[in-house]
Amino acid sequence: MYIVTVTSQGQITIPAKIRRQLGFGKSKKALVSEQRGKIVIEPSRDILDLQGAFKTDKKISPKTARQKFEEYLASRTK
């Protein structure tokens, strides 16, 4: 267990050991939720990690795909 500081901007620093264990790299996204009075932070998969896994004739930019995927994940946590 670690003690971290919550800044006036509501930011915290996740200790390096935990970031490494969970695979958080630079610019990695996270899902944040509240569960039973606790803050839960989970690594979020990037839609581009799935590139090529699905076949479609539709043309969509990687940026748009990532945005739609993030919107979908956010809607699941509400």
PDB file of N, CA and C in Angstrom:
ATOM      1  N   MET A   1       0.848  -1.165   0.000  1.00  0.00           N
ATOM      2  CA  MET A   1       0.000   0.000   0.000  1.00  0.00           C
ATOM      3  C   MET A   1       0.900   1.236   0.000  1.00  0.00           C
ATOM      4  N   TYR A   2       0.473   2.256  -0.726  1.00  0.00           N
ATOM      5  CA  TYR A   2       1.234   3.490  -0.840  1.00  0.00           C
ATOM      6  C   TYR A   2       0.361   4.666  -0.417  1.00  0.00           C
ATOM      7  N   ILE A   3       0.970   5.681   0.140  1.00  0.00           N
ATOM      8  CA  ILE A   3       0.281   6.936   0.409  1.00  0.00           C
ATOM      9  C   ILE A   3       0.688   7.895  -0.692  1.00  0.00           C
ATOM     10  N   VAL A   4      -0.307   8.479  -1.378  1.00  0.00           N
ATOM     11  CA  VAL A   4      -0.041   9.452  -2.430  1.00  0.00           C
ATOM     12  C   VAL A   4      -0.776  10.744  -2.092  1.00  0.00           C
ATOM     13  N   THR A   5      -0.355  11.807  -2.718  1.00  0.00           N
ATOM     14  CA  THR A   5      -0.966  13.111  -2.494  1.00  0.00           C
ATOM     15  C   THR A   5      -1.934  13.419  -3.626  1.00  0.00           C
ATOM     16  N   VAL A   6      -3.096  13.929  -3.274  1.00  0.00           N
ATOM     17  CA  VAL A   6      -4.047  14.409  -4.268  1.00  0.00           C
ATOM     18  C   VAL A   6      -3.809  15.909  -4.391  1.00  0.00           C
ATOM     19  N   THR A   7      -3.459  16.382  -5.599  1.00  0.00           N
ATOM     20  CA  THR A   7      -3.156  17.795  -5.795  1.00  0.00           C
ATOM     21  C   THR A   7      -4.437  18.613  -5.827  1.00  0.00           C
ATOM     22  N   SER A   8      -4.283  19.922  -5.845  1.00  0.00           N
ATOM     23  CA  SER A   8      -5.445  20.807  -5.922  1.00  0.00           C
ATOM     24  C   SER A   8      -6.191  20.629  -7.241  1.00  0.00           C
ATOM     25  N   GLN A   9      -5.526  20.057  -8.233  1.00  0.00           N
ATOM     26  CA  GLN A   9      -6.142  19.768  -9.525  1.00  0.00           C
ATOM     27  C   GLN A   9      -6.798  18.385  -9.548  1.00  0.00           C
ATOM     28  N   GLY A  10      -6.745  17.658  -8.422  1.00  0.00           N
ATOM     29  CA  GLY A  10      -7.343  16.326  -8.353  1.00  0.00           C
ATOM     30  C   GLY A  10      -6.453  15.243  -8.942  1.00  0.00           C
ATOM     31  N   GLN A  11      -5.167  15.512  -9.105  1.00  0.00           N
ATOM     32  CA  GLN A  11      -4.250  14.553  -9.707  1.00  0.00           C
ATOM     33  C   GLN A  11      -3.501  13.774  -8.637  1.00  0.00           C
ATOM     34  N   ILE A  12      -3.153  12.532  -8.979  1.00  0.00           N
ATOM     35  CA  ILE A  12      -2.295  11.720  -8.123  1.00  0.00           C
ATOM     36  C   ILE A  12      -1.199  11.127  -9.000  1.00  0.00           C
ATOM     37  N   THR A  13      -0.129  10.688  -8.364  1.00  0.00           N
ATOM     38  CA  THR A  13       0.921   9.965  -9.074  1.00  0.00           C
ATOM     39  C   THR A  13       0.819   8.506  -8.663  1.00  0.00           C
ATOM     40  N   ILE A  14       0.694   7.633  -9.654  1.00  0.00           N
ATOM     41  CA  ILE A  14       0.653   6.193  -9.377  1.00  0.00           C
ATOM     42  C   ILE A  14       2.102   5.733  -9.233  1.00  0.00           C
ATOM     43  N   PRO A  15       2.440   5.086  -8.130  1.00  0.00           N
ATOM     44  CA  PRO A  15       3.824   4.643  -7.931  1.00  0.00           C
ATOM     45  C   PRO A  15       4.336   3.788  -9.094  1.00  0.00           C
ATOM     46  N   ALA A  16       5.621   3.975  -9.412  1.00  0.00           N
ATOM     47  CA  ALA A  16       6.241   3.310 -10.560  1.00  0.00           C
ATOM     48  C   ALA A  16       6.080   1.790 -10.522  1.00  0.00           C
ATOM     49  N   LYS A  17       6.232   1.188  -9.349  1.00  0.00           N
ATOM     50  CA  LYS A  17       6.126  -0.270  -9.238  1.00  0.00           C
ATOM     51  C   LYS A  17       4.745  -0.743  -9.700  1.00  0.00           C
ATOM     52  N   ILE A  18       3.707  -0.029  -9.299  1.00  0.00           N
ATOM     53  CA  ILE A  18       2.346  -0.401  -9.699  1.00  0.00           C
ATOM     54  C   ILE A  18       2.147  -0.159 -11.195  1.00  0.00           C
ATOM     55  N   ARG A  19       2.665   0.964 -11.703  1.00  0.00           N
ATOM     56  CA  ARG A  19       2.540   1.251 -13.147  1.00  0.00           C
ATOM     57  C   ARG A  19       3.177   0.139 -13.964  1.00  0.00           C
ATOM     58  N   ARG A  20       4.357  -0.313 -13.542  1.00  0.00           N
ATOM     59  CA  ARG A  20       5.043  -1.393 -14.283  1.00  0.00           C
ATOM     60  C   ARG A  20       4.244  -2.696 -14.215  1.00  0.00           C
ATOM     61  N   GLN A  21       3.730  -3.021 -13.018  1.00  0.00           N
ATOM     62  CA  GLN A  21       2.972  -4.264 -12.866  1.00  0.00           C
ATOM     63  C   GLN A  21       1.731  -4.284 -13.755  1.00  0.00           C
ATOM     64  N   LEU A  22       1.104  -3.119 -13.933  1.00  0.00           N
ATOM     65  CA  LEU A  22      -0.138  -3.047 -14.710  1.00  0.00           C
ATOM     66  C   LEU A  22       0.087  -2.669 -16.170  1.00  0.00           C
ATOM     67  N   GLY A  23       1.332  -2.444 -16.551  1.00  0.00           N
ATOM     68  CA  GLY A  23       1.638  -2.153 -17.943  1.00  0.00           C
ATOM     69  C   GLY A  23       1.309  -0.734 -18.387  1.00  0.00           C
ATOM     70  N   PHE A  24       1.327   0.206 -17.439  1.00  0.00           N
ATOM     71  CA  PHE A  24       1.100   1.601 -17.811  1.00  0.00           C
ATOM     72  C   PHE A  24       2.390   2.162 -18.380  1.00  0.00           C
ATOM     73  N   GLY A  25       2.334   2.561 -19.638  1.00  0.00           N
ATOM     74  CA  GLY A  25       3.472   3.220 -20.257  1.00  0.00           C
ATOM     75  C   GLY A  25       3.160   4.688 -20.437  1.00  0.00           C
ATOM     76  N   LYS A  26       3.972   5.366 -21.207  1.00  0.00           N
ATOM     77  CA  LYS A  26       3.711   6.775 -21.488  1.00  0.00           C
ATOM     78  C   LYS A  26       2.407   6.903 -22.263  1.00  0.00           C
ATOM     79  N   SER A  27       1.629   7.894 -21.914  1.00  0.00           N
ATOM     80  CA  SER A  27       0.364   8.210 -22.594  1.00  0.00           C
ATOM     81  C   SER A  27      -0.662   7.082 -22.510  1.00  0.00           C
ATOM     82  N   LYS A  28      -0.515   6.200 -21.570  1.00  0.00           N
ATOM     83  CA  LYS A  28      -1.481   5.111 -21.413  1.00  0.00           C
ATOM     84  C   LYS A  28      -2.772   5.659 -20.817  1.00  0.00           C
ATOM     85  N   LYS A  29      -3.903   5.170 -21.300  1.00  0.00           N
ATOM     86  CA  LYS A  29      -5.205   5.589 -20.793  1.00  0.00           C
ATOM     87  C   LYS A  29      -5.613   4.675 -19.640  1.00  0.00           C
ATOM     88  N   ALA A  30      -6.473   5.202 -18.774  1.00  0.00           N
ATOM     89  CA  ALA A  30      -6.961   4.424 -17.638  1.00  0.00           C
ATOM     90  C   ALA A  30      -8.452   4.656 -17.479  1.00  0.00           C
ATOM     91  N   LEU A  31      -9.124   3.657 -16.944  1.00  0.00           N
ATOM     92  CA  LEU A  31     -10.529   3.782 -16.580  1.00  0.00           C
ATOM     93  C   LEU A  31     -10.575   4.056 -15.083  1.00  0.00           C
ATOM     94  N   VAL A  32     -11.328   5.074 -14.689  1.00  0.00           N
ATOM     95  CA  VAL A  32     -11.454   5.430 -13.284  1.00  0.00           C
ATOM     96  C   VAL A  32     -12.923   5.326 -12.904  1.00  0.00           C
ATOM     97  N   SER A  33     -13.195   4.625 -11.818  1.00  0.00           N
ATOM     98  CA  SER A  33     -14.576   4.480 -11.367  1.00  0.00           C
ATOM     99  C   SER A  33     -14.610   4.473  -9.840  1.00  0.00           C
ATOM    100  N   GLU A  34     -15.803   4.590  -9.320  1.00  0.00           N
ATOM    101  CA  GLU A  34     -16.028   4.509  -7.883  1.00  0.00           C
ATOM    102  C   GLU A  34     -16.785   3.219  -7.624  1.00  0.00           C
ATOM    103  N   GLN A  35     -16.282   2.423  -6.703  1.00  0.00           N
ATOM    104  CA  GLN A  35     -16.934   1.168  -6.354  1.00  0.00           C
ATOM    105  C   GLN A  35     -16.936   1.025  -4.833  1.00  0.00           C
ATOM    106  N   ARG A  36     -18.130   1.048  -4.263  1.00  0.00           N
ATOM    107  CA  ARG A  36     -18.297   0.884  -2.814  1.00  0.00           C
ATOM    108  C   ARG A  36     -17.444   1.875  -2.021  1.00  0.00           C
ATOM    109  N   GLY A  37     -17.454   3.129  -2.450  1.00  0.00           N
ATOM    110  CA  GLY A  37     -16.735   4.170  -1.724  1.00  0.00           C
ATOM    111  C   GLY A  37     -15.237   4.212  -1.952  1.00  0.00           C
ATOM    112  N   LYS A  38     -14.748   3.466  -2.951  1.00  0.00           N
ATOM    113  CA  LYS A  38     -13.318   3.450  -3.258  1.00  0.00           C
ATOM    114  C   LYS A  38     -13.102   3.856  -4.709  1.00  0.00           C
ATOM    115  N   ILE A  39     -11.965   4.490  -4.976  1.00  0.00           N
ATOM    116  CA  ILE A  39     -11.591   4.836  -6.346  1.00  0.00           C
ATOM    117  C   ILE A  39     -10.873   3.635  -6.943  1.00  0.00           C
ATOM    118  N   VAL A  40     -11.305   3.212  -8.115  1.00  0.00           N
ATOM    119  CA  VAL A  40     -10.690   2.085  -8.808  1.00  0.00           C
ATOM    120  C   VAL A  40     -10.108   2.603 -10.118  1.00  0.00           C
ATOM    121  N   ILE A  41      -8.816   2.335 -10.339  1.00  0.00           N
ATOM    122  CA  ILE A  41      -8.127   2.755 -11.562  1.00  0.00           C
ATOM    123  C   ILE A  41      -7.661   1.496 -12.269  1.00  0.00           C
ATOM    124  N   GLU A  42      -8.095   1.334 -13.530  1.00  0.00           N
ATOM    125  CA  GLU A  42      -7.744   0.146 -14.304  1.00  0.00           C
ATOM    126  C   GLU A  42      -7.114   0.553 -15.624  1.00  0.00           C
ATOM    127  N   PRO A  43      -6.130  -0.213 -16.104  1.00  0.00           N
ATOM    128  CA  PRO A  43      -5.582   0.089 -17.426  1.00  0.00           C
ATOM    129  C   PRO A  43      -6.662  -0.081 -18.485  1.00  0.00           C
ATOM    130  N   SER A  44      -6.648   0.775 -19.469  1.00  0.00           N
ATOM    131  CA  SER A  44      -7.603   0.701 -20.565  1.00  0.00           C
ATOM    132  C   SER A  44      -6.890   0.226 -21.816  1.00  0.00           C
ATOM    133  N   ARG A  45      -7.483  -0.713 -22.490  1.00  0.00           N
ATOM    134  CA  ARG A  45      -6.901  -1.151 -23.761  1.00  0.00           C
ATOM    135  C   ARG A  45      -7.172  -0.104 -24.810  1.00  0.00           C
ATOM    136  N   ASP A  46      -6.261   0.062 -25.703  1.00  0.00           N
ATOM    137  CA  ASP A  46      -6.410   0.995 -26.812  1.00  0.00           C
ATOM    138  C   ASP A  46      -7.009   0.216 -27.981  1.00  0.00           C
ATOM    139  N   ILE A  47      -7.963   0.808 -28.650  1.00  0.00           N
ATOM    140  CA  ILE A  47      -8.601   0.152 -29.791  1.00  0.00           C
ATOM    141  C   ILE A  47      -7.570  -0.236 -30.847  1.00  0.00           C
ATOM    142  N   LEU A  48      -6.487   0.515 -30.920  1.00  0.00           N
ATOM    143  CA  LEU A  48      -5.467   0.204 -31.923  1.00  0.00           C
ATOM    144  C   LEU A  48      -4.716  -1.082 -31.582  1.00  0.00           C
ATOM    145  N   ASP A  49      -4.815  -1.555 -30.328  1.00  0.00           N
ATOM    146  CA  ASP A  49      -4.239  -2.854 -29.970  1.00  0.00           C
ATOM    147  C   ASP A  49      -4.945  -3.983 -30.717  1.00  0.00           C
ATOM    148  N   LEU A  50      -6.171  -3.728 -31.133  1.00  0.00           N
ATOM    149  CA  LEU A  50      -6.980  -4.736 -31.827  1.00  0.00           C
ATOM    150  C   LEU A  50      -6.907  -4.602 -33.351  1.00  0.00           C
ATOM    151  N   GLN A  51      -6.056  -3.707 -33.821  1.00  0.00           N
ATOM    152  CA  GLN A  51      -5.960  -3.449 -35.259  1.00  0.00           C
ATOM    153  C   GLN A  51      -5.791  -4.747 -36.040  1.00  0.00           C
ATOM    154  N   GLY A  52      -6.659  -4.932 -37.018  1.00  0.00           N
ATOM    155  CA  GLY A  52      -6.611  -6.114 -37.859  1.00  0.00           C
ATOM    156  C   GLY A  52      -7.406  -7.293 -37.321  1.00  0.00           C
ATOM    157  N   ALA A  53      -7.957  -7.181 -36.131  1.00  0.00           N
ATOM    158  CA  ALA A  53      -8.704  -8.287 -35.536  1.00  0.00           C
ATOM    159  C   ALA A  53     -10.101  -8.423 -36.142  1.00  0.00           C
ATOM    160  N   PHE A  54     -10.637  -7.339 -36.661  1.00  0.00           N
ATOM    161  CA  PHE A  54     -11.975  -7.343 -37.234  1.00  0.00           C
ATOM    162  C   PHE A  54     -11.912  -6.909 -38.688  1.00  0.00           C
ATOM    163  N   LYS A  55     -12.687  -7.550 -39.513  1.00  0.00           N
ATOM    164  CA  LYS A  55     -12.716  -7.193 -40.925  1.00  0.00           C
ATOM    165  C   LYS A  55     -13.967  -6.379 -41.212  1.00  0.00           C
ATOM    166  N   THR A  56     -13.790  -5.329 -42.013  1.00  0.00           N
ATOM    167  CA  THR A  56     -14.906  -4.490 -42.413  1.00  0.00           C
ATOM    168  C   THR A  56     -14.568  -3.786 -43.715  1.00  0.00           C
ATOM    169  N   ASP A  57     -15.601  -3.410 -44.435  1.00  0.00           N
ATOM    170  CA  ASP A  57     -15.407  -2.653 -45.663  1.00  0.00           C
ATOM    171  C   ASP A  57     -15.451  -1.156 -45.381  1.00  0.00           C
ATOM    172  N   LYS A  58     -15.841  -0.775 -44.162  1.00  0.00           N
ATOM    173  CA  LYS A  58     -15.932   0.642 -43.809  1.00  0.00           C
ATOM    174  C   LYS A  58     -14.542   1.219 -43.593  1.00  0.00           C
ATOM    175  N   LYS A  59     -14.376   2.449 -44.052  1.00  0.00           N
ATOM    176  CA  LYS A  59     -13.105   3.152 -43.857  1.00  0.00           C
ATOM    177  C   LYS A  59     -13.260   4.097 -42.674  1.00  0.00           C
ATOM    178  N   ILE A  60     -12.408   3.940 -41.669  1.00  0.00           N
ATOM    179  CA  ILE A  60     -12.445   4.791 -40.491  1.00  0.00           C
ATOM    180  C   ILE A  60     -11.005   5.045 -40.052  1.00  0.00           C
ATOM    181  N   SER A  61     -10.725   6.287 -39.715  1.00  0.00           N
ATOM    182  CA  SER A  61      -9.358   6.638 -39.328  1.00  0.00           C
ATOM    183  C   SER A  61      -9.056   6.068 -37.940  1.00  0.00           C
ATOM    184  N   PRO A  62      -7.783   5.788 -37.668  1.00  0.00           N
ATOM    185  CA  PRO A  62      -7.414   5.303 -36.329  1.00  0.00           C
ATOM    186  C   PRO A  62      -7.828   6.285 -35.229  1.00  0.00           C
ATOM    187  N   LYS A  63      -7.723   7.580 -35.497  1.00  0.00           N
ATOM    188  CA  LYS A  63      -8.106   8.594 -34.503  1.00  0.00           C
ATOM    189  C   LYS A  63      -9.600   8.497 -34.182  1.00  0.00           C
ATOM    190  N   THR A  64     -10.431   8.363 -35.203  1.00  0.00           N
ATOM    191  CA  THR A  64     -11.873   8.240 -35.001  1.00  0.00           C
ATOM    192  C   THR A  64     -12.207   6.936 -34.288  1.00  0.00           C
ATOM    193  N   ALA A  65     -11.539   5.855 -34.659  1.00  0.00           N
ATOM    194  CA  ALA A  65     -11.771   4.563 -34.012  1.00  0.00           C
ATOM    195  C   ALA A  65     -11.446   4.648 -32.526  1.00  0.00           C
ATOM    196  N   ARG A  66     -10.314   5.269 -32.185  1.00  0.00           N
ATOM    197  CA  ARG A  66      -9.923   5.408 -30.789  1.00  0.00           C
ATOM    198  C   ARG A  66     -10.947   6.256 -30.037  1.00  0.00           C
ATOM    199  N   GLN A  67     -11.391   7.367 -30.634  1.00  0.00           N
ATOM    200  CA  GLN A  67     -12.367   8.248 -29.982  1.00  0.00           C
ATOM    201  C   GLN A  67     -13.670   7.507 -29.700  1.00  0.00           C
ATOM    202  N   LYS A  68     -14.174   6.771 -30.677  1.00  0.00           N
ATOM    203  CA  LYS A  68     -15.421   6.019 -30.500  1.00  0.00           C
ATOM    204  C   LYS A  68     -15.270   4.933 -29.430  1.00  0.00           C
ATOM    205  N   PHE A  69     -14.124   4.278 -29.407  1.00  0.00           N
ATOM    206  CA  PHE A  69     -13.865   3.239 -28.416  1.00  0.00           C
ATOM    207  C   PHE A  69     -13.825   3.838 -27.015  1.00  0.00           C
ATOM    208  N   GLU A  70     -13.164   5.000 -26.858  1.00  0.00           N
ATOM    209  CA  GLU A  70     -13.107   5.671 -25.563  1.00  0.00           C
ATOM    210  C   GLU A  70     -14.515   6.095 -25.115  1.00  0.00           C
ATOM    211  N   GLU A  71     -15.327   6.572 -26.044  1.00  0.00           N
ATOM    212  CA  GLU A  71     -16.713   6.947 -25.713  1.00  0.00           C
ATOM    213  C   GLU A  71     -17.490   5.722 -25.242  1.00  0.00           C
ATOM    214  N   TYR A  72     -17.284   4.612 -25.925  1.00  0.00           N
ATOM    215  CA  TYR A  72     -17.956   3.365 -25.544  1.00  0.00           C
ATOM    216  C   TYR A  72     -17.544   2.939 -24.123  1.00  0.00           C
ATOM    217  N   LEU A  73     -16.235   2.976 -23.830  1.00  0.00           N
ATOM    218  CA  LEU A  73     -15.770   2.588 -22.503  1.00  0.00           C
ATOM    219  C   LEU A  73     -16.316   3.520 -21.434  1.00  0.00           C
ATOM    220  N   ALA A  74     -16.350   4.815 -21.729  1.00  0.00           N
ATOM    221  CA  ALA A  74     -16.882   5.780 -20.764  1.00  0.00           C
ATOM    222  C   ALA A  74     -18.358   5.532 -20.484  1.00  0.00           C
ATOM    223  N   SER A  75     -19.098   5.160 -21.514  1.00  0.00           N
ATOM    224  CA  SER A  75     -20.526   4.911 -21.325  1.00  0.00           C
ATOM    225  C   SER A  75     -20.777   3.675 -20.470  1.00  0.00           C
ATOM    226  N   ARG A  76     -19.869   2.744 -20.458  1.00  0.00           N
ATOM    227  CA  ARG A  76     -20.016   1.523 -19.657  1.00  0.00           C
ATOM    228  C   ARG A  76     -19.756   1.771 -18.186  1.00  0.00           C
ATOM    229  N   THR A  77     -19.036   2.850 -17.851  1.00  0.00           N
ATOM    230  CA  THR A  77     -18.687   3.105 -16.454  1.00  0.00           C
ATOM    231  C   THR A  77     -19.692   4.026 -15.771  1.00  0.00           C
ATOM    232  N   LYS A  78     -20.649   4.553 -16.508  1.00  0.00           N
ATOM    233  CA  LYS A  78     -21.619   5.483 -15.922  1.00  0.00           C
ATOM    234  C   LYS A  78     -22.742   4.738 -15.233  1.00  0.00           C
TER     235      LYS A  78
END
